[in-house]
N, C-alpha and C. Protein backbone atom coordinates (compact mmCIF):
# COMPACT_ATOMS: atom_id res chain seq x y z
N UNK A 1 53.36 3.41 99.80
CA UNK A 1 53.93 3.17 101.29
C UNK A 1 55.25 4.25 101.16
N UNK A 2 55.95 4.19 100.61
CA UNK A 2 57.04 5.67 100.18
C UNK A 2 56.47 6.89 100.76
N UNK A 3 55.37 7.42 100.21
CA UNK A 3 54.52 8.31 100.77
C UNK A 3 54.40 8.76 102.13
N UNK A 4 54.30 7.45 102.75
CA UNK A 4 53.55 7.53 104.20
C UNK A 4 54.84 7.26 105.19
N UNK A 5 55.69 6.58 104.35
CA UNK A 5 57.42 6.71 105.31
C UNK A 5 57.92 8.24 105.21
N UNK A 6 58.10 8.64 104.23
CA UNK A 6 58.53 10.45 103.85
C UNK A 6 57.55 11.03 104.98
N UNK A 7 56.25 10.86 104.95
CA UNK A 7 55.78 11.83 105.81
C UNK A 7 56.16 11.89 107.14
N UNK A 8 56.27 10.29 107.69
CA UNK A 8 56.49 10.00 109.02
C UNK A 8 57.95 10.68 109.51
N UNK A 9 58.90 10.25 108.75
CA UNK A 9 60.32 10.83 108.77
C UNK A 9 60.21 12.26 108.90
N UNK A 10 59.39 13.05 107.87
CA UNK A 10 59.35 14.53 108.32
C UNK A 10 58.70 15.09 109.60
N UNK A 11 57.93 14.23 109.63
CA UNK A 11 57.01 14.62 111.09
C UNK A 11 57.92 14.15 112.30
N UNK A 12 59.08 13.58 112.26
CA UNK A 12 60.27 13.07 113.46
C UNK A 12 61.19 13.92 112.92
N UNK A 13 61.50 14.39 111.95
CA UNK A 13 62.24 15.45 111.93
C UNK A 13 62.09 17.01 113.05
N UNK A 14 60.52 17.18 112.23
CA UNK A 14 60.15 18.33 113.10
C UNK A 14 59.98 18.61 114.31
N UNK A 15 59.50 17.34 114.95
CA UNK A 15 59.01 17.42 116.52
C UNK A 15 60.54 17.01 117.08
N UNK A 16 61.34 16.50 116.09
CA UNK A 16 62.94 16.29 117.07
C UNK A 16 63.34 18.09 117.46
N UNK A 17 63.44 18.57 116.04
CA UNK A 17 63.78 19.85 116.11
C UNK A 17 62.60 20.76 117.08
N UNK A 18 61.93 20.69 117.13
CA UNK A 18 60.64 21.28 117.95
C UNK A 18 60.83 20.95 119.22
N UNK A 19 60.76 19.88 119.56
CA UNK A 19 60.84 19.28 121.38
C UNK A 19 62.35 18.87 121.65
N UNK A 20 63.10 18.69 120.95
CA UNK A 20 64.43 18.72 121.06
C UNK A 20 65.29 19.84 120.70
N UNK A 21 65.10 20.72 120.32
CA UNK A 21 66.29 21.98 120.53
C UNK A 21 65.27 23.45 120.87
N UNK A 22 64.27 23.35 119.79
CA UNK A 22 63.60 24.75 120.45
C UNK A 22 62.97 25.15 121.25
N UNK A 23 62.28 23.89 122.33
CA UNK A 23 61.37 24.36 123.51
C UNK A 23 62.59 24.06 124.39
N UNK A 24 63.48 22.98 124.60
CA UNK A 24 64.31 23.01 125.72
C UNK A 24 65.46 24.37 125.75
N UNK A 25 65.90 25.05 124.47
CA UNK A 25 66.58 25.96 124.17
C UNK A 25 65.96 27.65 124.93
N UNK A 26 64.36 27.47 124.35
CA UNK A 26 63.35 28.38 124.96
C UNK A 26 63.37 28.34 126.20
N UNK A 27 62.91 27.34 126.66
CA UNK A 27 62.93 27.43 128.30
C UNK A 27 64.16 27.73 129.38
N UNK A 28 65.59 27.09 128.92
CA UNK A 28 66.16 27.25 129.01
C UNK A 28 66.83 29.07 129.43
N UNK A 29 66.90 29.62 128.11
CA UNK A 29 66.78 30.87 127.91
C UNK A 29 66.07 31.68 128.93
N UNK A 30 64.82 31.51 129.08
CA UNK A 30 63.73 32.36 130.12
C UNK A 30 64.67 32.02 131.47
N UNK A 31 64.76 30.45 131.68
CA UNK A 31 64.97 30.46 133.23
C UNK A 31 66.38 31.42 133.74
N UNK A 32 67.61 31.09 132.40
CA UNK A 32 68.39 32.11 132.30
C UNK A 32 68.35 33.28 133.05
N UNK A 33 67.60 33.74 132.02
CA UNK A 33 67.01 35.02 132.36
C UNK A 33 66.30 35.72 133.66
N UNK A 34 65.09 34.97 133.91
CA UNK A 34 64.53 35.37 134.99
C UNK A 34 65.37 34.61 136.70
N UNK A 35 65.64 33.57 136.54
CA UNK A 35 66.40 32.80 137.43
C UNK A 35 67.73 32.64 137.20
N UNK A 36 68.70 33.62 137.36
CA UNK A 36 70.03 32.92 136.95
C UNK A 36 70.78 32.02 138.08
N UNK A 37 70.22 32.08 139.11
CA UNK A 37 71.00 31.73 140.48
C UNK A 37 70.67 30.32 139.99
N UNK A 38 69.33 30.15 140.16
CA UNK A 38 68.62 28.34 140.26
C UNK A 38 69.06 27.67 138.89
N UNK A 39 69.29 28.75 137.86
CA UNK A 39 69.24 28.04 136.24
C UNK A 39 70.91 27.32 136.55
N UNK A 40 71.71 28.07 137.27
CA UNK A 40 72.91 27.55 137.58
C UNK A 40 73.51 26.71 138.19
N UNK A 41 72.39 26.03 138.74
CA UNK A 41 72.75 25.28 140.39
C UNK A 41 72.90 25.98 141.80
N UNK A 42 71.94 26.90 141.79
CA UNK A 42 72.22 27.74 143.11
C UNK A 42 73.77 27.55 143.80
N UNK A 43 74.68 27.78 143.43
CA UNK A 43 76.27 28.06 143.64
C UNK A 43 76.30 29.25 144.69
N UNK A 44 77.08 28.68 145.53
CA UNK A 44 77.61 29.86 146.52
C UNK A 44 78.90 29.75 146.58
N UNK A 45 79.47 31.16 146.49
CA UNK A 45 80.99 31.65 145.74
C UNK A 45 81.57 32.26 147.13
N UNK A 46 82.63 32.39 147.13
CA UNK A 46 83.69 32.34 148.23
C UNK A 46 84.49 33.17 147.69
N UNK A 47 84.95 34.10 147.18
CA UNK A 47 86.49 34.76 147.15
C UNK A 47 86.36 34.43 145.52
N UNK A 48 85.52 34.48 144.84
CA UNK A 48 85.41 33.73 143.15
C UNK A 48 85.52 32.36 142.77
N UNK A 49 85.14 31.76 143.61
CA UNK A 49 85.21 30.31 143.82
C UNK A 49 84.24 29.69 144.37
N UNK A 50 83.80 28.49 143.82
CA UNK A 50 82.43 28.15 143.95
C UNK A 50 82.78 26.60 145.22
N UNK A 51 81.91 27.03 146.14
CA UNK A 51 82.35 26.32 147.30
C UNK A 51 81.14 25.25 147.70
N UNK A 52 80.12 25.33 147.15
CA UNK A 52 79.14 24.38 147.12
C UNK A 52 77.94 24.79 146.47
N UNK A 53 76.75 24.15 146.57
CA UNK A 53 75.45 24.57 146.06
C UNK A 53 74.53 24.30 147.34
N UNK A 54 73.53 25.15 147.33
CA UNK A 54 72.30 25.24 148.22
C UNK A 54 71.77 23.90 148.50
N UNK A 55 71.66 23.53 147.51
CA UNK A 55 70.47 21.97 147.45
C UNK A 55 71.34 20.93 147.30
N UNK A 56 72.70 20.89 147.51
CA UNK A 56 73.99 19.44 147.56
C UNK A 56 74.59 19.44 148.77
N UNK A 57 74.25 18.60 150.04
CA UNK A 57 74.91 18.18 150.87
C UNK A 57 76.46 17.91 150.35
N UNK A 58 77.65 18.60 151.44
CA UNK A 58 78.80 17.73 151.42
C UNK A 58 79.42 17.65 152.63
N UNK A 59 80.32 16.66 152.66
CA UNK A 59 81.16 16.20 153.92
C UNK A 59 81.87 17.05 154.70
N UNK A 60 81.57 17.28 156.13
CA UNK A 60 82.60 17.93 156.97
C UNK A 60 82.49 17.19 157.80
N UNK A 61 83.64 16.98 158.41
CA UNK A 61 84.15 16.03 159.57
C UNK A 61 84.72 16.82 160.38
N UNK A 62 85.69 17.79 160.55
CA UNK A 62 86.60 18.64 161.26
C UNK A 62 85.54 19.09 162.75
N UNK A 63 86.07 18.48 163.66
CA UNK A 63 85.42 19.82 165.17
C UNK A 63 84.81 20.62 164.86
N UNK A 64 85.22 21.84 164.61
CA UNK A 64 84.53 23.20 164.10
C UNK A 64 83.15 23.35 163.13
N UNK A 65 82.99 22.20 162.72
CA UNK A 65 82.11 22.08 161.84
C UNK A 65 81.17 21.35 162.05
N UNK A 66 79.77 21.76 161.45
CA UNK A 66 78.42 21.15 161.87
C UNK A 66 78.59 19.94 161.11
N UNK A 67 78.29 18.57 161.54
CA UNK A 67 78.18 17.48 160.49
C UNK A 67 77.22 17.39 159.75
N UNK A 68 77.09 16.72 158.83
CA UNK A 68 75.50 16.58 157.97
C UNK A 68 75.25 15.26 158.37
N UNK A 69 73.84 15.11 157.61
CA UNK A 69 73.61 13.25 157.87
C UNK A 69 74.36 12.61 156.87
N UNK A 70 74.45 11.06 157.60
CA UNK A 70 74.98 10.53 156.51
C UNK A 70 74.64 10.37 155.18
N UNK A 71 75.51 10.16 154.29
CA UNK A 71 75.04 9.99 152.83
C UNK A 71 75.76 8.83 152.34
N UNK A 72 74.25 8.33 151.37
CA UNK A 72 74.24 6.97 150.81
C UNK A 72 74.93 7.05 148.99
N UNK A 73 74.80 8.22 148.81
CA UNK A 73 75.36 8.59 147.30
C UNK A 73 76.91 8.18 147.31
N UNK A 74 77.34 7.08 146.31
CA UNK A 74 78.24 6.75 146.07
C UNK A 74 79.39 6.37 147.44
N UNK A 75 80.82 5.67 147.24
CA UNK A 75 81.03 4.81 148.10
C UNK A 75 81.88 5.81 148.91
N UNK A 76 82.17 7.03 149.05
CA UNK A 76 82.16 7.95 149.56
C UNK A 76 81.58 8.96 150.46
N UNK A 77 79.81 9.05 149.79
CA UNK A 77 79.18 9.77 149.96
C UNK A 77 79.27 11.05 149.49
N UNK A 78 78.09 11.66 149.28
CA UNK A 78 77.85 12.66 148.61
C UNK A 78 78.20 13.19 146.92
N UNK A 79 78.20 11.89 146.55
CA UNK A 79 78.50 12.02 144.83
C UNK A 79 77.72 12.07 144.46
N UNK A 80 77.18 13.24 143.63
CA UNK A 80 76.00 13.34 142.82
C UNK A 80 76.02 12.90 141.99
N UNK A 81 76.79 12.00 141.15
CA UNK A 81 76.69 11.32 139.96
C UNK A 81 76.11 9.72 140.80
N UNK A 82 76.04 9.64 141.81
CA UNK A 82 75.73 7.87 142.10
C UNK A 82 74.18 8.45 143.25
N UNK A 83 73.57 9.49 142.90
CA UNK A 83 72.18 9.58 144.10
C UNK A 83 71.58 8.54 143.94
N UNK A 84 70.90 8.46 145.05
CA UNK A 84 69.96 7.00 145.04
C UNK A 84 69.95 6.87 146.70
N UNK A 85 68.53 6.37 147.07
CA UNK A 85 68.48 6.17 148.20
C UNK A 85 69.23 4.48 148.24
N UNK A 86 69.28 4.17 149.69
CA UNK A 86 69.72 2.85 149.53
C UNK A 86 68.98 1.77 149.57
N UNK A 87 67.41 2.22 149.69
CA UNK A 87 66.48 0.56 149.39
C UNK A 87 66.68 -0.33 150.16
N UNK A 88 67.20 0.28 151.45
CA UNK A 88 66.83 -0.80 152.41
C UNK A 88 65.96 -0.81 153.74
N UNK A 89 64.95 -1.39 153.56
CA UNK A 89 63.93 -1.68 154.62
C UNK A 89 64.20 -1.68 156.02
N UNK A 90 63.14 -1.20 156.82
CA UNK A 90 63.62 -1.29 158.25
C UNK A 90 63.90 -2.94 159.27
N UNK A 91 63.78 -3.83 158.21
CA UNK A 91 64.14 -5.41 158.71
C UNK A 91 65.68 -5.76 158.42
N UNK A 92 66.04 -4.76 157.37
CA UNK A 92 67.65 -4.94 156.89
C UNK A 92 68.41 -4.94 158.20
N UNK A 93 69.28 -6.32 157.95
CA UNK A 93 70.60 -6.22 158.91
C UNK A 93 71.67 -5.23 158.57
N UNK A 94 71.20 -4.96 157.16
CA UNK A 94 72.48 -4.02 156.54
C UNK A 94 72.25 -2.43 157.29
N UNK A 95 70.93 -2.18 157.10
CA UNK A 95 70.76 -1.25 157.47
C UNK A 95 70.52 -1.11 158.83
N UNK A 96 70.36 -1.96 159.50
CA UNK A 96 70.83 -2.32 161.00
C UNK A 96 72.32 -1.59 161.38
N UNK A 97 73.02 -2.11 160.96
CA UNK A 97 74.46 -2.36 161.33
C UNK A 97 74.62 -0.80 160.71
N UNK A 98 74.24 -0.23 159.66
CA UNK A 98 74.53 1.01 159.40
C UNK A 98 74.40 2.24 160.32
N UNK A 99 73.17 2.29 161.03
CA UNK A 99 72.62 2.84 162.05
C UNK A 99 73.52 2.76 163.48
N UNK A 100 73.86 1.56 163.53
CA UNK A 100 74.46 1.18 164.95
C UNK A 100 76.03 2.09 164.73
N UNK A 101 76.59 1.75 163.54
CA UNK A 101 77.91 2.18 163.28
C UNK A 101 77.70 4.09 163.25
N UNK A 102 76.86 4.14 162.41
CA UNK A 102 77.16 5.94 162.77
C UNK A 102 76.41 6.31 164.27
N UNK A 103 75.62 5.63 164.95
CA UNK A 103 75.32 5.58 166.63
C UNK A 103 77.06 5.99 167.31
N UNK A 104 77.51 4.93 166.98
CA UNK A 104 78.87 4.45 167.68
C UNK A 104 80.12 5.52 167.23
N UNK A 105 79.85 5.95 165.85
CA UNK A 105 80.65 6.98 165.66
C UNK A 105 80.47 8.48 165.86
N UNK A 106 79.37 8.81 166.14
CA UNK A 106 78.80 10.07 166.88
C UNK A 106 78.82 9.85 168.37
N UNK A 107 79.08 8.76 168.86
CA UNK A 107 79.70 8.84 170.39
C UNK A 107 78.33 9.17 171.02
N UNK A 108 77.36 9.27 170.38
CA UNK A 108 76.15 9.80 171.25
C UNK A 108 74.75 8.06 171.57
N UNK A 109 74.28 8.20 172.66
CA UNK A 109 73.74 6.93 172.69
C UNK A 109 72.54 7.10 173.02
N UNK A 110 71.89 7.90 173.33
CA UNK A 110 70.23 8.00 173.38
C UNK A 110 69.52 9.54 172.76
N UNK A 111 68.63 9.63 172.82
CA UNK A 111 67.96 10.79 171.92
C UNK A 111 68.63 11.72 170.69
N UNK A 112 69.39 10.56 169.69
CA UNK A 112 69.38 11.06 168.66
C UNK A 112 68.47 11.13 167.52
N UNK A 113 68.76 12.63 166.93
CA UNK A 113 67.62 12.25 165.98
C UNK A 113 67.57 11.39 164.86
N UNK A 114 67.02 10.96 164.20
CA UNK A 114 67.03 10.23 162.88
C UNK A 114 68.11 10.37 161.83
N UNK A 115 67.87 11.45 161.72
CA UNK A 115 68.92 12.73 160.58
C UNK A 115 69.80 12.40 160.81
N UNK A 116 70.57 12.03 162.08
CA UNK A 116 71.88 12.17 162.07
C UNK A 116 72.20 10.77 162.11
N UNK A 117 71.54 9.59 161.73
CA UNK A 117 71.80 8.04 161.72
C UNK A 117 71.30 7.63 160.26
N UNK A 118 70.46 8.25 159.57
CA UNK A 118 70.15 7.80 158.30
C UNK A 118 70.28 8.65 157.40
N UNK A 119 70.33 8.09 155.82
CA UNK A 119 70.50 9.04 154.84
C UNK A 119 69.44 9.52 154.29
N UNK A 120 69.37 10.83 153.50
CA UNK A 120 68.17 11.09 153.10
C UNK A 120 68.25 10.12 151.84
N UNK A 121 66.48 9.86 151.19
CA UNK A 121 66.32 9.57 149.96
C UNK A 121 67.61 9.87 148.53
N UNK A 122 67.74 10.83 148.91
CA UNK A 122 68.90 11.31 147.44
C UNK A 122 70.01 10.44 148.33
N UNK A 123 70.56 11.09 149.13
CA UNK A 123 71.81 11.11 149.94
C UNK A 123 72.88 12.41 149.60
N UNK A 124 71.97 13.34 149.47
CA UNK A 124 72.45 14.22 148.95
C UNK A 124 71.70 15.57 149.62
N UNK A 125 71.04 15.49 150.83
CA UNK A 125 70.19 16.49 151.64
C UNK A 125 71.57 17.25 152.17
N UNK A 126 71.28 18.77 151.86
CA UNK A 126 71.83 19.27 152.48
C UNK A 126 71.43 19.86 154.24
N UNK A 127 70.44 19.06 154.52
CA UNK A 127 69.98 19.86 155.80
C UNK A 127 70.13 18.98 156.92
N UNK A 128 69.79 19.59 158.20
CA UNK A 128 69.86 18.59 159.52
C UNK A 128 68.65 18.82 159.85
N UNK A 129 68.04 18.28 160.89
CA UNK A 129 66.81 18.85 161.91
C UNK A 129 67.52 20.09 163.06
N UNK A 130 66.82 21.02 162.99
CA UNK A 130 67.34 21.79 164.45
C UNK A 130 68.14 21.01 165.59
N UNK A 131 67.31 19.76 166.07
CA UNK A 131 67.63 19.06 167.17
C UNK A 131 68.95 18.60 167.05
N UNK A 132 69.35 17.95 165.53
CA UNK A 132 70.45 17.82 165.24
C UNK A 132 71.86 18.58 165.51
N UNK A 133 71.27 19.64 165.00
CA UNK A 133 72.03 20.75 165.11
C UNK A 133 72.42 21.37 166.52
N UNK A 134 71.35 21.34 167.32
CA UNK A 134 71.65 21.51 168.72
C UNK A 134 72.68 20.55 169.30
N UNK A 135 72.23 19.26 169.02
CA UNK A 135 73.43 18.05 169.49
C UNK A 135 74.61 18.18 169.22
N UNK A 136 74.95 19.51 168.46
CA UNK A 136 76.47 19.28 167.87
C UNK A 136 77.02 20.92 168.63
N UNK A 137 75.99 21.62 169.65
CA UNK A 137 76.79 23.04 169.75
C UNK A 137 77.94 22.97 170.29
N UNK A 138 78.36 22.19 171.63
CA UNK A 138 79.02 21.73 172.18
C UNK A 138 80.42 22.03 171.73
N UNK A 139 80.19 20.72 170.49
CA UNK A 139 81.72 20.58 169.86
C UNK A 139 82.25 21.77 168.83
N UNK A 140 81.48 22.38 168.97
CA UNK A 140 81.40 23.16 167.46
C UNK A 140 82.13 24.59 168.40
N UNK A 141 81.17 25.04 169.33
CA UNK A 141 81.51 25.96 170.17
C UNK A 141 83.08 25.61 170.99
N UNK A 142 83.56 24.55 171.44
CA UNK A 142 84.35 24.16 171.93
C UNK A 142 86.06 24.71 171.15
N UNK A 143 85.37 24.13 169.67
CA UNK A 143 86.60 23.89 168.45
C UNK A 143 86.81 25.28 167.94
N UNK A 144 85.86 26.19 168.27
CA UNK A 144 86.05 27.70 167.69
C UNK A 144 86.26 28.60 169.07
N UNK A 145 86.55 28.32 170.31
CA UNK A 145 86.48 28.97 171.42
C UNK A 145 85.45 30.21 171.04
N UNK A 146 84.30 29.84 171.13
CA UNK A 146 83.21 30.57 171.32
C UNK A 146 82.05 30.01 172.44
N UNK A 147 81.29 30.87 172.95
CA UNK A 147 80.30 30.06 173.90
C UNK A 147 79.23 29.72 173.17
N UNK A 148 78.90 28.21 173.73
CA UNK A 148 77.44 27.86 173.16
C UNK A 148 76.47 28.68 173.15
N UNK A 149 75.86 29.92 173.75
CA UNK A 149 75.04 30.36 173.00
C UNK A 149 74.81 30.94 172.20
N UNK A 150 76.29 31.28 171.65
CA UNK A 150 76.74 32.40 170.42
C UNK A 150 76.43 31.25 169.03
N UNK A 151 76.60 29.89 169.28
CA UNK A 151 76.60 28.93 168.40
C UNK A 151 74.86 28.53 168.26
N UNK A 152 74.53 28.68 169.03
CA UNK A 152 72.81 28.12 169.30
C UNK A 152 71.75 29.14 168.88
N UNK A 153 72.68 30.75 168.81
CA UNK A 153 71.94 31.62 167.91
C UNK A 153 72.03 31.63 166.54
N UNK A 154 73.41 30.98 166.56
CA UNK A 154 73.39 31.07 164.85
C UNK A 154 72.31 29.94 164.19
N UNK A 155 72.20 29.03 164.82
CA UNK A 155 71.35 28.07 164.53
C UNK A 155 70.04 28.55 164.43
N UNK A 156 70.00 29.30 164.89
CA UNK A 156 68.41 29.77 164.97
C UNK A 156 68.10 30.46 163.90
N UNK A 157 69.15 31.76 163.35
CA UNK A 157 69.26 32.39 162.27
C UNK A 157 69.49 31.44 161.11
N UNK A 158 69.79 30.48 161.24
CA UNK A 158 69.78 29.63 159.80
C UNK A 158 68.70 28.59 159.72
N UNK A 159 68.18 28.56 160.55
CA UNK A 159 66.73 27.52 160.82
C UNK A 159 65.44 27.91 160.00
N UNK A 160 65.13 27.06 158.61
CA UNK A 160 64.07 27.49 157.59
C UNK A 160 62.81 26.80 158.29
N UNK A 161 61.59 27.72 158.28
CA UNK A 161 60.58 26.86 158.48
C UNK A 161 60.26 25.87 157.73
N UNK A 162 58.76 25.59 157.86
CA UNK A 162 58.30 24.76 156.94
C UNK A 162 58.02 25.30 155.76
N UNK A 163 57.90 24.91 154.77
CA UNK A 163 57.51 25.56 153.23
C UNK A 163 56.06 25.82 153.41
N UNK A 164 55.77 26.94 152.91
CA UNK A 164 54.33 27.46 152.79
C UNK A 164 53.69 27.41 154.63
N UNK A 165 54.37 27.14 155.33
CA UNK A 165 54.31 27.56 156.71
C UNK A 165 53.63 25.85 157.05
N UNK A 166 53.36 24.87 156.04
CA UNK A 166 52.91 23.50 156.65
C UNK A 166 53.33 22.29 155.97
N UNK A 167 54.70 22.19 154.60
CA UNK A 167 55.11 21.58 153.99
C UNK A 167 56.27 20.92 154.57
N UNK A 168 56.57 20.10 155.23
CA UNK A 168 58.06 19.77 155.42
C UNK A 168 58.48 19.52 157.14
N UNK A 169 59.50 19.86 157.28
CA UNK A 169 59.39 20.10 158.66
C UNK A 169 61.07 21.26 158.77
N UNK A 170 61.33 22.02 160.11
CA UNK A 170 62.24 23.12 159.88
C UNK A 170 63.25 21.83 159.82
N UNK A 171 64.29 23.05 159.49
CA UNK A 171 65.67 22.55 159.08
C UNK A 171 66.72 23.64 159.02
N UNK A 172 67.77 22.87 158.95
CA UNK A 172 69.09 23.95 159.20
C UNK A 172 70.47 23.29 157.56
N UNK A 173 70.14 24.36 156.91
CA UNK A 173 71.19 23.77 155.95
C UNK A 173 72.89 24.19 156.63
N UNK A 174 73.21 22.93 156.45
CA UNK A 174 74.37 22.71 157.00
C UNK A 174 75.82 23.57 156.19
N UNK A 175 75.88 23.53 155.00
CA UNK A 175 76.90 24.64 154.16
C UNK A 175 76.84 25.58 154.35
N UNK A 176 75.36 26.73 154.55
CA UNK A 176 75.42 27.67 154.69
C UNK A 176 75.85 28.22 156.53
N UNK A 177 75.32 27.42 157.36
CA UNK A 177 75.62 27.55 158.69
C UNK A 177 77.21 27.25 158.82
N UNK A 178 77.66 26.34 158.35
CA UNK A 178 79.10 26.81 158.34
C UNK A 178 79.80 27.46 157.51
N UNK A 179 79.52 28.23 156.69
CA UNK A 179 80.30 29.29 156.31
C UNK A 179 80.05 30.23 156.84
N UNK A 180 78.85 30.51 157.77
CA UNK A 180 78.39 31.44 158.24
C UNK A 180 79.55 31.54 159.53
N UNK A 181 80.06 30.24 160.31
CA UNK A 181 80.94 30.17 161.28
C UNK A 181 82.16 30.59 160.90
N UNK A 182 82.70 29.98 159.62
CA UNK A 182 83.82 30.88 159.31
C UNK A 182 83.82 32.31 158.91
N UNK A 183 83.07 32.66 158.54
CA UNK A 183 82.77 34.41 158.55
C UNK A 183 83.15 34.88 159.68
N UNK A 184 81.85 34.37 160.45
CA UNK A 184 81.90 35.09 161.98
C UNK A 184 82.52 34.66 163.04
N UNK A 185 83.43 33.60 162.89
CA UNK A 185 84.10 32.96 164.29
C UNK A 185 85.12 32.08 163.55
N UNK A 186 85.90 32.92 162.82
CA UNK A 186 87.25 31.96 162.29
C UNK A 186 87.62 31.00 163.74
N UNK A 187 88.35 29.92 163.13
CA UNK A 187 88.89 29.22 163.83
C UNK A 187 90.68 29.60 164.47
N UNK A 188 90.13 29.75 165.84
CA UNK A 188 92.02 30.38 166.18
C UNK A 188 92.66 29.30 166.50
N UNK A 189 93.85 29.76 165.78
CA UNK A 189 95.08 28.40 166.16
C UNK A 189 95.86 29.27 166.89
């Protein structure tokens, strides 16, 4: 019996070292060498400071910025440690109330794309639809003192197509768009 127990303990120790230390260390090292930006969170830096990640949404509320879709991640939204869907179904009164509140707070009545009223599955999606971006053009242009056409052209430059030409939908990364606005058309004071 002791012989079998010792064999089992040795195998556990060997597999723990192989699958818990060596393999993850090897994969991490390869990823750091081949894909350093992605392995470190696809962070965007400005003036030596990380301002966000390409893949994590964040809250923008000022008039001169494009606003993201609502977030269900955490009590304040966009909390990566609390990411996850709300799990509210289409007949849920809480979901209906949340959408009505989003509609009222956006001051738009009809023709609102669903992504401006509903959160993504993770609550951290950094993208909005091109239609959602175009609904915000007038507000952003006025706040920055530039033309609607200029803002619409910038949206066009930051619109990403479907992955592989057929997966998903066209989308606009809100953080990248807002950073481009700040660089190219800073707010006049």
